[in-house]
C-alpha atoms as a PDB file:
ATOM      1  CA  MET A   1      94.930  86.424 105.412  1.00  0.00           C
ATOM      2  CA  ILE A   2      97.628  89.178 106.138  1.00  0.00           C
ATOM      3  CA  TYR A   3      96.870  91.386 108.996  1.00  0.00           C
ATOM      4  CA  PRO A   4      96.666  94.443 108.622  1.00  0.00           C
ATOM      5  CA  SER A   5      95.366  94.607 105.571  1.00  0.00           C
ATOM      6  CA  ILE A   6      96.913  96.532 102.747  1.00  0.00           C
ATOM      7  CA  ASP A   7      93.657  98.370 102.138  1.00  0.00           C
ATOM      8  CA  LYS A   8      93.445  99.692 105.740  1.00  0.00           C
ATOM      9  CA  LEU A   9      97.055 100.696 105.732  1.00  0.00           C
ATOM     10  CA  MET A  10      96.729 102.542 102.404  1.00  0.00           C
ATOM     11  CA  HIS A  11      93.988 104.930 103.965  1.00  0.00           C
ATOM     12  CA  LEU A  12      96.783 106.052 106.261  1.00  0.00           C
ATOM     13  CA  ALA A  13      99.453 106.627 103.584  1.00  0.00           C
ATOM     14  CA  ASP A  14      99.748 108.403 100.604  1.00  0.00           C
ATOM     15  CA  SER A  15     101.881 105.687  98.705  1.00  0.00           C
ATOM     16  CA  LYS A  16     102.918 102.133  99.346  1.00  0.00           C
ATOM     17  CA  TYR A  17     106.541 103.680  99.261  1.00  0.00           C
ATOM     18  CA  SER A  18     105.759 106.038 102.173  1.00  0.00           C
ATOM     19  CA  LEU A  19     104.347 102.920 104.151  1.00  0.00           C
ATOM     20  CA  VAL A  20     107.163 100.854 103.609  1.00  0.00           C
ATOM     21  CA  VAL A  21     109.628 103.770 104.615  1.00  0.00           C
ATOM     22  CA  ALA A  22     107.712 104.271 107.681  1.00  0.00           C
ATOM     23  CA  ALA A  23     107.344 100.704 108.707  1.00  0.00           C
ATOM     24  CA  SER A  24     111.032 100.109 108.337  1.00  0.00           C
ATOM     25  CA  LYS A  25     111.935 103.125 110.324  1.00  0.00           C
ATOM     26  CA  ARG A  26     109.601 102.003 113.112  1.00  0.00           C
ATOM     27  CA  ALA A  27     110.781  98.382 112.911  1.00  0.00           C
ATOM     28  CA  ARG A  28     114.498  99.508 113.516  1.00  0.00           C
ATOM     29  CA  ARG A  29     113.601 101.679 116.343  1.00  0.00           C
ATOM     30  CA  ILE A  30     111.781  98.568 117.841  1.00  0.00           C
ATOM     31  CA  GLN A  31     115.188  96.638 117.014  1.00  0.00           C
ATOM     32  CA  ASP A  32     117.010  99.137 118.775  1.00  0.00           C
ATOM     33  CA  GLY A  33     114.989  98.642 121.916  1.00  0.00           C
ATOM     34  CA  ALA A  34     112.055 101.068 121.639  1.00  0.00           C
ATOM     35  CA  ASP A  35     108.825  99.907 123.443  1.00  0.00           C
ATOM     36  CA  LYS A  36     106.168  98.134 121.449  1.00  0.00           C
ATOM     37  CA  LEU A  37     103.011 100.007 121.390  1.00  0.00           C
ATOM     38  CA  VAL A  38     100.746  97.100 120.538  1.00  0.00           C
ATOM     39  CA  GLN A  39     100.468  93.621 121.667  1.00  0.00           C
ATOM     40  CA  VAL A  40     100.545  91.054 118.784  1.00  0.00           C
ATOM     41  CA  PRO A  41     101.256  87.386 118.720  1.00  0.00           C
ATOM     42  CA  THR A  42     104.663  87.801 116.772  1.00  0.00           C
ATOM     43  CA  ASN A  43     107.924  88.940 117.613  1.00  0.00           C
ATOM     44  CA  LYS A  44     108.895  90.037 114.038  1.00  0.00           C
ATOM     45  CA  ASN A  45     109.190  93.750 114.187  1.00  0.00           C
ATOM     46  CA  VAL A  46     107.957  94.780 110.840  1.00  0.00           C
ATOM     47  CA  THR A  47     104.557  93.060 111.715  1.00  0.00           C
ATOM     48  CA  VAL A  48     104.660  94.966 115.012  1.00  0.00           C
ATOM     49  CA  ALA A  49     105.265  98.379 113.127  1.00  0.00           C
ATOM     50  CA  LEU A  50     102.584  97.765 110.528  1.00  0.00           C
ATOM     51  CA  ASN A  51     100.142  96.832 113.361  1.00  0.00           C
ATOM     52  CA  GLU A  52     101.105 100.119 115.155  1.00  0.00           C
ATOM     53  CA  ILE A  53     100.652 102.145 112.084  1.00  0.00           C
ATOM     54  CA  SER A  54      97.391 100.482 111.330  1.00  0.00           C
ATOM     55  CA  ASP A  55      96.137 101.242 114.972  1.00  0.00           C
ATOM     56  CA  GLU A  56      97.461 104.787 114.598  1.00  0.00           C
ATOM     57  CA  LYS A  57      99.684 104.536 117.427  1.00  0.00           C
ATOM     58  CA  VAL A  58     102.468 105.781 115.099  1.00  0.00           C
ATOM     59  CA  ARG A  59     102.020 108.472 112.613  1.00  0.00           C
ATOM     60  CA  PHE A  60     104.528 109.730 110.011  1.00  0.00           C
ATOM     61  CA  VAL A  61     104.721 112.930 108.064  1.00  0.00           C
ATOM     62  CA  ARG A  62     106.342 113.072 104.573  1.00  0.00           C
ATOM     63  CA  THR A  63     108.720 116.157 104.173  1.00  0.00           C
ATOM     64  CA  LYS A  64     110.954 117.379 101.545  1.00  0.00           C
ATOM     65  CA  ASP A  65     113.956 115.748 103.500  1.00  0.00           C
ATOM     66  CA  GLY A  66     112.087 112.350 103.719  1.00  0.00           C
ATOM     67  CA  ILE A  67     109.621 110.613 106.076  1.00  0.00           C
ATOM     68  CA  LYS A  68     109.746 111.707 110.047  1.00  0.00           C
END
């Protein structure tokens, strides 16, 4: 089973596209040296980013210019 589940994540986002963009931006920040906000048993940055979004440690806002 994939954790976090897509069902839980979709309650936090308006579309799958927004979720992918937010997770990729956060994963890049982690790659560049940002602190991880959750403890997970993996070092994969995308998985860490999705867990942070799922735990609502990271939020994102959709604007006309993109996702912030």
